[in-house]
PDB file of N, CA and C in Angstrom:
ATOM      1  N   MET A   1     -90.442   8.838 -97.174  1.00  0.00           N
ATOM      2  CA  MET A   1     -91.096   7.413 -97.257  1.00  0.00           C
ATOM      3  C   MET A   1     -90.802   6.624 -98.576  1.00  0.00           C
ATOM      4  N   ILE A   2     -90.889   7.313 -99.966  1.00  0.00           N
ATOM      5  CA  ILE A   2     -90.702   6.698-100.890  1.00  0.00           C
ATOM      6  C   ILE A   2     -89.226   5.918-101.110  1.00  0.00           C
ATOM      7  N   ILE A   3     -88.042   6.710-100.306  1.00  0.00           N
ATOM      8  CA  ILE A   3     -87.087   6.230-100.213  1.00  0.00           C
ATOM      9  C   ILE A   3     -86.648   4.957 -99.490  1.00  0.00           C
ATOM     10  N   ILE A   4     -87.398   5.041 -98.250  1.00  0.00           N
ATOM     11  CA  ILE A   4     -87.694   3.941 -97.504  1.00  0.00           C
ATOM     12  C   ILE A   4     -87.990   2.644 -98.213  1.00  0.00           C
ATOM     13  N   LEU A   5     -89.273   2.771 -98.966  1.00  0.00           N
ATOM     14  CA  LEU A   5     -89.757   1.768 -99.531  1.00  0.00           C
ATOM     15  C   LEU A   5     -89.013   1.306-100.661  1.00  0.00           C
ATOM     16  N   SER A   6     -88.317   2.019-101.258  1.00  0.00           N
ATOM     17  CA  SER A   6     -87.263   1.783-102.499  1.00  0.00           C
ATOM     18  C   SER A   6     -86.093   0.931-101.850  1.00  0.00           C
ATOM     19  N   LEU A   7     -85.619   1.201-100.730  1.00  0.00           N
ATOM     20  CA  LEU A   7     -84.420   0.596-100.047  1.00  0.00           C
ATOM     21  C   LEU A   7     -85.007  -0.963 -99.457  1.00  0.00           C
ATOM     22  N   ILE A   8     -86.214  -0.870 -99.123  1.00  0.00           N
ATOM     23  CA  ILE A   8     -86.695  -2.216 -98.432  1.00  0.00           C
ATOM     24  C   ILE A   8     -86.819  -3.027 -99.767  1.00  0.00           C
ATOM     25  N   LEU A   9     -87.497  -2.591-100.923  1.00  0.00           N
ATOM     26  CA  LEU A   9     -87.695  -3.454-102.157  1.00  0.00           C
ATOM     27  C   LEU A   9     -86.551  -4.103-102.663  1.00  0.00           C
ATOM     28  N   GLN A  10     -85.446  -3.080-102.641  1.00  0.00           N
ATOM     29  CA  GLN A  10     -83.849  -3.577-103.198  1.00  0.00           C
ATOM     30  C   GLN A  10     -83.468  -4.929-102.493  1.00  0.00           C
ATOM     31  N   HIS A  11     -83.803  -4.892-101.318  1.00  0.00           N
ATOM     32  CA  HIS A  11     -83.361  -6.166-100.337  1.00  0.00           C
ATOM     33  C   HIS A  11     -84.187  -7.440-100.676  1.00  0.00           C
ATOM     34  N   VAL A  12     -85.639  -6.929-100.920  1.00  0.00           N
ATOM     35  CA  VAL A  12     -86.515  -8.099-101.314  1.00  0.00           C
ATOM     36  C   VAL A  12     -86.263  -8.574-102.651  1.00  0.00           C
ATOM     37  N   ILE A  13     -86.017  -7.808-103.600  1.00  0.00           N
ATOM     38  CA  ILE A  13     -85.631  -8.078-104.953  1.00  0.00           C
ATOM     39  C   ILE A  13     -84.515  -8.901-104.826  1.00  0.00           C
ATOM     40  N   SER A  14     -83.459  -8.490-104.130  1.00  0.00           N
ATOM     41  CA  SER A  14     -82.366  -9.239-104.062  1.00  0.00           C
ATOM     42  C   SER A  14     -82.368 -10.431-103.612  1.00  0.00           C
ATOM     43  N   GLY A  15     -83.425 -10.875-102.659  1.00  0.00           N
ATOM     44  CA  GLY A  15     -83.635 -12.199-102.133  1.00  0.00           C
ATOM     45  C   GLY A  15     -84.226 -12.862-103.269  1.00  0.00           C
ATOM     46  N   PHE A  16     -85.333 -12.557-103.965  1.00  0.00           N
ATOM     47  CA  PHE A  16     -85.839 -13.071-104.896  1.00  0.00           C
ATOM     48  C   PHE A  16     -84.931 -13.494-106.351  1.00  0.00           C
ATOM     49  N   ILE A  17     -83.889 -12.767-106.534  1.00  0.00           N
ATOM     50  CA  ILE A  17     -83.019 -12.918-107.346  1.00  0.00           C
ATOM     51  C   ILE A  17     -82.272 -13.893-106.983  1.00  0.00           C
ATOM     52  N   ALA A  18     -82.065 -14.006-105.617  1.00  0.00           N
ATOM     53  CA  ALA A  18     -80.915 -14.959-105.220  1.00  0.00           C
ATOM     54  C   ALA A  18     -81.574 -16.497-105.391  1.00  0.00           C
ATOM     55  N   PHE A  19     -82.847 -16.754-105.112  1.00  0.00           N
ATOM     56  CA  PHE A  19     -83.673 -17.924-105.101  1.00  0.00           C
ATOM     57  C   PHE A  19     -83.102 -18.661-106.345  1.00  0.00           C
ATOM     58  N   TYR A  20     -83.212 -17.686-107.547  1.00  0.00           N
ATOM     59  CA  TYR A  20     -82.797 -18.359-108.771  1.00  0.00           C
ATOM     60  C   TYR A  20     -81.409 -18.440-109.252  1.00  0.00           C
ATOM     61  N   TYR A  21     -80.605 -17.433-108.615  1.00  0.00           N
ATOM     62  CA  TYR A  21     -79.111 -17.484-108.726  1.00  0.00           C
ATOM     63  C   TYR A  21     -78.275 -17.268-107.382  1.00  0.00           C
ATOM     64  N   GLY A  22     -78.064 -18.547-106.985  1.00  0.00           N
ATOM     65  CA  GLY A  22     -77.412 -18.808-105.671  1.00  0.00           C
ATOM     66  C   GLY A  22     -76.299 -17.976-105.269  1.00  0.00           C
ATOM     67  N   TRP A  23     -75.473 -17.680-106.300  1.00  0.00           N
ATOM     68  CA  TRP A  23     -74.109 -16.891-106.078  1.00  0.00           C
ATOM     69  C   TRP A  23     -74.561 -15.469-105.819  1.00  0.00           C
ATOM     70  N   PHE A  24     -75.630 -14.824-106.299  1.00  0.00           N
ATOM     71  CA  PHE A  24     -76.100 -13.545-105.723  1.00  0.00           C
ATOM     72  C   PHE A  24     -76.324 -13.658-104.405  1.00  0.00           C
ATOM     73  N   GLY A  25     -76.870 -14.464-103.797  1.00  0.00           N
ATOM     74  CA  GLY A  25     -77.183 -14.502-102.105  1.00  0.00           C
ATOM     75  C   GLY A  25     -75.698 -14.288-101.469  1.00  0.00           C
ATOM     76  N   VAL A  26     -74.985 -15.287-101.905  1.00  0.00           N
ATOM     77  CA  VAL A  26     -73.525 -15.057-101.495  1.00  0.00           C
ATOM     78  C   VAL A  26     -72.965 -13.748-101.541  1.00  0.00           C
ATOM     79  N   VAL A  27     -73.004 -13.170-102.669  1.00  0.00           N
ATOM     80  CA  VAL A  27     -72.516 -11.692-102.651  1.00  0.00           C
ATOM     81  C   VAL A  27     -73.262 -10.774-101.660  1.00  0.00           C
ATOM     82  N   PHE A  28     -74.462 -10.950-101.792  1.00  0.00           N
ATOM     83  CA  PHE A  28     -75.383 -10.031-100.790  1.00  0.00           C
ATOM     84  C   PHE A  28     -75.011 -10.404 -99.303  1.00  0.00           C
ATOM     85  N   LEU A  29     -74.751 -11.594 -98.913  1.00  0.00           N
ATOM     86  CA  LEU A  29     -74.330 -11.809 -97.664  1.00  0.00           C
ATOM     87  C   LEU A  29     -72.891 -11.223 -97.519  1.00  0.00           C
ATOM     88  N   ILE A  30     -71.978 -11.278 -98.067  1.00  0.00           N
ATOM     89  CA  ILE A  30     -70.560 -10.625 -97.980  1.00  0.00           C
ATOM     90  C   ILE A  30     -70.942  -9.261 -97.793  1.00  0.00           C
ATOM     91  N   TYR A  31     -71.669  -8.516 -98.973  1.00  0.00           N
ATOM     92  CA  TYR A  31     -71.774  -7.196 -98.847  1.00  0.00           C
ATOM     93  C   TYR A  31     -72.311  -6.989 -97.433  1.00  0.00           C
ATOM     94  N   GLN A  32     -73.379  -7.415 -97.040  1.00  0.00           N
ATOM     95  CA  GLN A  32     -74.147  -6.925 -95.569  1.00  0.00           C
ATOM     96  C   GLN A  32     -73.242  -7.112 -94.422  1.00  0.00           C
ATOM     97  N   LEU A  33     -72.255  -8.421 -94.540  1.00  0.00           N
ATOM     98  CA  LEU A  33     -71.240  -8.544 -93.272  1.00  0.00           C
ATOM     99  C   LEU A  33     -70.216  -7.555 -93.365  1.00  0.00           C
ATOM    100  N   SER A  34     -69.732  -7.380 -94.572  1.00  0.00           N
ATOM    101  CA  SER A  34     -68.438  -6.202 -94.846  1.00  0.00           C
ATOM    102  C   SER A  34     -68.916  -5.001 -94.098  1.00  0.00           C
ATOM    103  N   GLN A  35     -70.399  -4.651 -94.463  1.00  0.00           N
ATOM    104  CA  GLN A  35     -70.727  -3.363 -93.820  1.00  0.00           C
ATOM    105  C   GLN A  35     -70.858  -3.270 -92.248  1.00  0.00           C
ATOM    106  N   LEU A  36     -70.914  -4.426 -91.869  1.00  0.00           N
ATOM    107  CA  LEU A  36     -71.363  -4.485 -90.447  1.00  0.00           C
ATOM    108  C   LEU A  36     -69.910  -4.517 -89.699  1.00  0.00           C
ATOM    109  N   ALA A  37     -69.128  -5.315 -90.585  1.00  0.00           N
ATOM    110  CA  ALA A  37     -67.698  -5.355 -89.865  1.00  0.00           C
ATOM    111  C   ALA A  37     -66.782  -4.065 -89.856  1.00  0.00           C
ATOM    112  N   LEU A  38     -67.169  -2.964 -90.748  1.00  0.00           N
ATOM    113  CA  LEU A  38     -66.552  -2.107 -91.188  1.00  0.00           C
ATOM    114  C   LEU A  38     -67.429  -0.766 -90.322  1.00  0.00           C
ATOM    115  N   ASN A  39     -68.496  -1.068 -89.989  1.00  0.00           N
ATOM    116  CA  ASN A  39     -69.387  -0.243 -89.341  1.00  0.00           C
ATOM    117  C   ASN A  39     -69.600   1.101 -90.011  1.00  0.00           C
ATOM    118  N   LYS A  40     -70.086   0.586 -91.372  1.00  0.00           N
ATOM    119  CA  LYS A  40     -70.224   1.586 -92.740  1.00  0.00           C
ATOM    120  C   LYS A  40     -71.726   1.216 -93.047  1.00  0.00           C
ATOM    121  N   ARG A  41     -72.372   2.059 -93.815  1.00  0.00           N
ATOM    122  CA  ARG A  41     -73.450   1.697 -94.593  1.00  0.00           C
ATOM    123  C   ARG A  41     -73.189   2.445 -96.174  1.00  0.00           C
ATOM    124  N   PHE A  42     -73.174   1.308 -96.837  1.00  0.00           N
ATOM    125  CA  PHE A  42     -72.983   1.880 -98.180  1.00  0.00           C
ATOM    126  C   PHE A  42     -74.318   1.827 -99.230  1.00  0.00           C
ATOM    127  N   PHE A  43     -74.550   3.135 -99.663  1.00  0.00           N
ATOM    128  CA  PHE A  43     -75.736   3.317-100.709  1.00  0.00           C
ATOM    129  C   PHE A  43     -75.433   3.244-101.954  1.00  0.00           C
ATOM    130  N   ILE A  44     -75.222   2.219-102.568  1.00  0.00           N
ATOM    131  CA  ILE A  44     -74.682   2.209-104.018  1.00  0.00           C
ATOM    132  C   ILE A  44     -75.399   2.936-104.938  1.00  0.00           C
ATOM    133  N   PHE A  45     -76.580   3.058-105.011  1.00  0.00           N
ATOM    134  CA  PHE A  45     -77.410   3.743-105.835  1.00  0.00           C
ATOM    135  C   PHE A  45     -77.301   4.997-105.751  1.00  0.00           C
ATOM    136  N   GLN A  46     -77.192   5.617-104.422  1.00  0.00           N
ATOM    137  CA  GLN A  46     -76.982   6.946-104.073  1.00  0.00           C
ATOM    138  C   GLN A  46     -75.573   7.498-104.200  1.00  0.00           C
ATOM    139  N   GLY A  47     -74.630   6.571-104.273  1.00  0.00           N
ATOM    140  CA  GLY A  47     -73.329   7.061-104.375  1.00  0.00           C
ATOM    141  C   GLY A  47     -72.695   7.393-103.235  1.00  0.00           C
ATOM    142  N   ARG A  48     -73.316   6.989-101.835  1.00  0.00           N
ATOM    143  CA  ARG A  48     -72.629   7.490-100.540  1.00  0.00           C
ATOM    144  C   ARG A  48     -72.375   6.419 -99.636  1.00  0.00           C
ATOM    145  N   ILE A  49     -71.633   6.975 -98.689  1.00  0.00           N
ATOM    146  CA  ILE A  49     -71.324   5.858 -97.596  1.00  0.00           C
ATOM    147  C   ILE A  49     -71.441   6.606 -96.398  1.00  0.00           C
ATOM    148  N   GLU A  50     -72.122   6.161 -95.392  1.00  0.00           N
ATOM    149  CA  GLU A  50     -72.140   6.720 -94.046  1.00  0.00           C
ATOM    150  C   GLU A  50     -71.588   5.868 -93.132  1.00  0.00           C
ATOM    151  N   ASP A  51     -71.222   6.595 -91.756  1.00  0.00           N
ATOM    152  CA  ASP A  51     -70.818   5.920 -90.590  1.00  0.00           C
ATOM    153  C   ASP A  51     -71.862   5.372 -89.718  1.00  0.00           C
ATOM    154  N   GLY A  52     -71.556   3.968 -89.283  1.00  0.00           N
ATOM    155  CA  GLY A  52     -72.658   3.587 -88.356  1.00  0.00           C
ATOM    156  C   GLY A  52     -73.557   2.591 -88.789  1.00  0.00           C
ATOM    157  N   ASN A  53     -73.523   1.489 -88.028  1.00  0.00           N
ATOM    158  CA  ASN A  53     -74.147   0.090 -88.639  1.00  0.00           C
ATOM    159  C   ASN A  53     -74.165  -0.745 -87.247  1.00  0.00           C
ATOM    160  N   SER A  54     -75.290  -1.438 -87.253  1.00  0.00           N
ATOM    161  CA  SER A  54     -75.639  -2.247 -86.073  1.00  0.00           C
ATOM    162  C   SER A  54     -75.984  -3.842 -86.389  1.00  0.00           C
ATOM    163  N   LEU A  55     -75.849  -4.637 -85.467  1.00  0.00           N
ATOM    164  CA  LEU A  55     -76.297  -5.908 -85.697  1.00  0.00           C
ATOM    165  C   LEU A  55     -77.634  -5.907 -86.156  1.00  0.00           C
ATOM    166  N   GLY A  56     -78.457  -4.952 -85.250  1.00  0.00           N
ATOM    167  CA  GLY A  56     -80.078  -4.939 -85.627  1.00  0.00           C
ATOM    168  C   GLY A  56     -80.242  -4.671 -86.865  1.00  0.00           C
ATOM    169  N   HIS A  57     -79.664  -3.539 -87.301  1.00  0.00           N
ATOM    170  CA  HIS A  57     -79.815  -3.215 -88.950  1.00  0.00           C
ATOM    171  C   HIS A  57     -79.569  -4.263 -89.924  1.00  0.00           C
ATOM    172  N   THR A  58     -78.309  -4.842 -89.476  1.00  0.00           N
ATOM    173  CA  THR A  58     -78.087  -5.936 -90.622  1.00  0.00           C
ATOM    174  C   THR A  58     -78.969  -6.870 -90.503  1.00  0.00           C
ATOM    175  N   ALA A  59     -79.488  -7.179 -89.282  1.00  0.00           N
ATOM    176  CA  ALA A  59     -80.508  -8.344 -89.447  1.00  0.00           C
ATOM    177  C   ALA A  59     -81.787  -8.087 -89.985  1.00  0.00           C
ATOM    178  N   PHE A  60     -82.110  -6.626 -89.824  1.00  0.00           N
ATOM    179  CA  PHE A  60     -83.407  -6.354 -90.603  1.00  0.00           C
ATOM    180  C   PHE A  60     -83.331  -6.452 -91.994  1.00  0.00           C
ATOM    181  N   LYS A  61     -81.846  -5.990 -92.705  1.00  0.00           N
ATOM    182  CA  LYS A  61     -81.814  -6.099 -93.966  1.00  0.00           C
ATOM    183  C   LYS A  61     -81.783  -7.453 -94.563  1.00  0.00           C
ATOM    184  N   LEU A  62     -81.339  -8.426 -93.425  1.00  0.00           N
ATOM    185  CA  LEU A  62     -81.110  -9.965 -93.989  1.00  0.00           C
ATOM    186  C   LEU A  62     -82.528 -10.408 -93.954  1.00  0.00           C
ATOM    187  N   SER A  63     -83.589 -10.213 -92.927  1.00  0.00           N
ATOM    188  CA  SER A  63     -84.841 -10.431 -93.171  1.00  0.00           C
ATOM    189  C   SER A  63     -85.533  -9.950 -94.198  1.00  0.00           C
ATOM    190  N   GLU A  64     -85.321  -8.584 -94.716  1.00  0.00           N
ATOM    191  CA  GLU A  64     -85.964  -8.403 -95.970  1.00  0.00           C
ATOM    192  C   GLU A  64     -85.440  -9.059 -97.193  1.00  0.00           C
ATOM    193  N   PHE A  65     -84.337  -9.605 -97.190  1.00  0.00           N
ATOM    194  CA  PHE A  65     -83.664 -10.632 -98.109  1.00  0.00           C
ATOM    195  C   PHE A  65     -84.114 -11.919 -97.979  1.00  0.00           C
ATOM    196  N   LEU A  66     -84.700 -12.197 -96.796  1.00  0.00           N
ATOM    197  CA  LEU A  66     -85.384 -13.685 -96.630  1.00  0.00           C
ATOM    198  C   LEU A  66     -86.673 -13.509 -97.075  1.00  0.00           C
ATOM    199  N   VAL A  67     -87.287 -12.366 -97.008  1.00  0.00           N
ATOM    200  CA  VAL A  67     -88.671 -12.358 -97.451  1.00  0.00           C
ATOM    201  C   VAL A  67     -88.557 -12.524 -99.009  1.00  0.00           C
ATOM    202  N   GLY A  68     -87.757 -12.025 -99.584  1.00  0.00           N
ATOM    203  CA  GLY A  68     -87.443 -12.238-101.172  1.00  0.00           C
ATOM    204  C   GLY A  68     -87.177 -13.657-101.516  1.00  0.00           C
ATOM    205  N   LEU A  69     -86.584 -14.520-100.897  1.00  0.00           N
ATOM    206  CA  LEU A  69     -86.033 -15.749-101.083  1.00  0.00           C
ATOM    207  C   LEU A  69     -87.561 -16.548-100.727  1.00  0.00           C
ATOM    208  N   LEU A  70     -88.342 -15.950 -99.748  1.00  0.00           N
ATOM    209  CA  LEU A  70     -89.367 -16.832 -99.636  1.00  0.00           C
ATOM    210  C   LEU A  70     -90.434 -16.443-100.620  1.00  0.00           C
ATOM    211  N   ILE A  71     -90.393 -15.399-101.077  1.00  0.00           N
ATOM    212  CA  ILE A  71     -91.267 -15.236-102.390  1.00  0.00           C
ATOM    213  C   ILE A  71     -91.013 -15.777-103.429  1.00  0.00           C
ATOM    214  N   GLY A  72     -89.911 -15.873-103.844  1.00  0.00           N
ATOM    215  CA  GLY A  72     -89.141 -16.921-105.090  1.00  0.00           C
ATOM    216  C   GLY A  72     -89.755 -18.391-104.771  1.00  0.00           C
ATOM    217  N   TYR A  73     -89.526 -18.887-103.605  1.00  0.00           N
ATOM    218  CA  TYR A  73     -89.876 -20.209-103.100  1.00  0.00           C
ATOM    219  C   TYR A  73     -91.569 -20.508-103.638  1.00  0.00           C
ATOM    220  N   ILE A  74     -92.184 -19.612-102.884  1.00  0.00           N
ATOM    221  CA  ILE A  74     -93.834 -19.616-103.272  1.00  0.00           C
ATOM    222  C   ILE A  74     -94.106 -19.758-104.601  1.00  0.00           C
ATOM    223  N   ILE A  75     -93.415 -18.721-105.409  1.00  0.00           N
ATOM    224  CA  ILE A  75     -93.787 -18.750-106.913  1.00  0.00           C
ATOM    225  C   ILE A  75     -93.254 -19.794-107.437  1.00  0.00           C
ATOM    226  N   HIS A  76     -92.080 -20.344-107.032  1.00  0.00           N
ATOM    227  CA  HIS A  76     -91.574 -21.661-107.770  1.00  0.00           C
ATOM    228  C   HIS A  76     -92.571 -22.839-107.664  1.00  0.00           C
ATOM    229  N   LYS A  77     -93.008 -22.865-106.411  1.00  0.00           N
ATOM    230  CA  LYS A  77     -93.861 -24.092-105.928  1.00  0.00           C
ATOM    231  C   LYS A  77     -95.449 -23.903-106.374  1.00  0.00           C
ATOM    232  N   SER A  78     -95.730 -22.363-106.329  1.00  0.00           N
ATOM    233  CA  SER A  78     -97.242 -22.326-106.942  1.00  0.00           C
ATOM    234  C   SER A  78     -97.476 -22.522-108.381  1.00  0.00           C
ATOM    235  N   PHE A  79     -96.389 -21.910-109.271  1.00  0.00           N
ATOM    236  CA  PHE A  79     -96.301 -21.879-110.526  1.00  0.00           C
ATOM    237  C   PHE A  79     -95.213 -22.816-111.091  1.00  0.00           C
ATOM    238  N   PRO A  80     -95.221 -24.011-111.237  1.00  0.00           N
ATOM    239  CA  PRO A  80     -93.815 -24.594-111.605  1.00  0.00           C
ATOM    240  C   PRO A  80     -93.491 -24.636-112.927  1.00  0.00           C
ATOM    241  N   LYS A  81     -94.557 -24.025-113.863  1.00  0.00           N
ATOM    242  CA  LYS A  81     -93.967 -23.725-115.113  1.00  0.00           C
ATOM    243  C   LYS A  81     -93.407 -22.401-115.457  1.00  0.00           C
ATOM    244  N   PHE A  82     -93.124 -21.617-114.247  1.00  0.00           N
ATOM    245  CA  PHE A  82     -92.615 -20.122-114.243  1.00  0.00           C
ATOM    246  C   PHE A  82     -91.083 -20.626-114.344  1.00  0.00           C
ATOM    247  N   LYS A  83     -90.599 -19.780-115.396  1.00  0.00           N
ATOM    248  CA  LYS A  83     -89.070 -19.961-115.633  1.00  0.00           C
ATOM    249  C   LYS A  83     -88.516 -18.785-115.577  1.00  0.00           C
ATOM    250  N   PHE A  84     -87.634 -18.530-114.835  1.00  0.00           N
ATOM    251  CA  PHE A  84     -86.862 -17.446-114.544  1.00  0.00           C
ATOM    252  C   PHE A  84     -85.888 -17.357-116.166  1.00  0.00           C
ATOM    253  N   PRO A  85     -85.586 -15.840-116.348  1.00  0.00           N
ATOM    254  CA  PRO A  85     -84.944 -15.671-117.640  1.00  0.00           C
ATOM    255  C   PRO A  85     -83.789 -16.776-118.181  1.00  0.00           C
ATOM    256  N   LYS A  86     -83.126 -17.019-117.064  1.00  0.00           N
ATOM    257  CA  LYS A  86     -81.930 -18.162-117.246  1.00  0.00           C
ATOM    258  C   LYS A  86     -82.325 -19.426-117.903  1.00  0.00           C
ATOM    259  N   ASP A  87     -83.721 -19.941-117.476  1.00  0.00           N
ATOM    260  CA  ASP A  87     -84.021 -21.163-117.891  1.00  0.00           C
ATOM    261  C   ASP A  87     -84.557 -21.085-119.287  1.00  0.00           C
ATOM    262  N   ARG A  88     -84.665 -19.838-120.111  1.00  0.00           N
ATOM    263  CA  ARG A  88     -84.904 -19.711-121.379  1.00  0.00           C
ATOM    264  C   ARG A  88     -84.026 -20.594-122.346  1.00  0.00           C
ATOM    265  N   PHE A  89     -82.857 -20.557-121.902  1.00  0.00           N
ATOM    266  CA  PHE A  89     -81.727 -21.067-122.620  1.00  0.00           C
ATOM    267  C   PHE A  89     -81.469 -22.490-122.375  1.00  0.00           C
ATOM    268  N   GLU A  90     -82.097 -23.083-121.411  1.00  0.00           N
ATOM    269  CA  GLU A  90     -81.907 -24.433-121.215  1.00  0.00           C
ATOM    270  C   GLU A  90     -82.474 -25.420-122.243  1.00  0.00           C
ATOM    271  N   ASN A  91     -81.656 -26.418-122.631  1.00  0.00           N
ATOM    272  CA  ASN A  91     -82.241 -27.556-123.723  1.00  0.00           C
ATOM    273  C   ASN A  91     -82.409 -26.807-125.027  1.00  0.00           C
ATOM    274  N   LYS A  92     -81.693 -25.781-125.336  1.00  0.00           N
ATOM    275  CA  LYS A  92     -81.607 -25.208-126.797  1.00  0.00           C
ATOM    276  C   LYS A  92     -80.187 -25.516-127.221  1.00  0.00           C
ATOM    277  N   GLU A  93     -80.356 -25.929-128.496  1.00  0.00           N
ATOM    278  CA  GLU A  93     -79.319 -25.894-129.390  1.00  0.00           C
ATOM    279  C   GLU A  93     -78.624 -24.732-129.831  1.00  0.00           C
ATOM    280  N   VAL A  94     -77.264 -24.709-129.778  1.00  0.00           N
ATOM    281  CA  VAL A  94     -76.658 -23.288-130.077  1.00  0.00           C
ATOM    282  C   VAL A  94     -76.294 -23.656-131.799  1.00  0.00           C
ATOM    283  N   SER A  95     -76.611 -22.830-132.588  1.00  0.00           N
ATOM    284  CA  SER A  95     -76.277 -22.863-134.193  1.00  0.00           C
ATOM    285  C   SER A  95     -74.950 -22.463-134.312  1.00  0.00           C
TER     286      SER A  95
END
């Protein structure tokens, strides 16, 4: 149960990060679609690859990702002064 929750959170967190770093979303989409095309499932943090993937599974993972994007959007709109770490360096002079 904990492993399943951690896998879901990884995709939600990925979506949240992609809200602030658009390139990350592109990488995530390519990663998911390549797994679907190869009919494999890559578990990067566990260091293993399994056979078998489906459109339904990929759609579920993308929906988890979209939840993360939505959370990023809600935080951005609800707390306009919230700055993700990349924004800390904006408008600062380099010595």
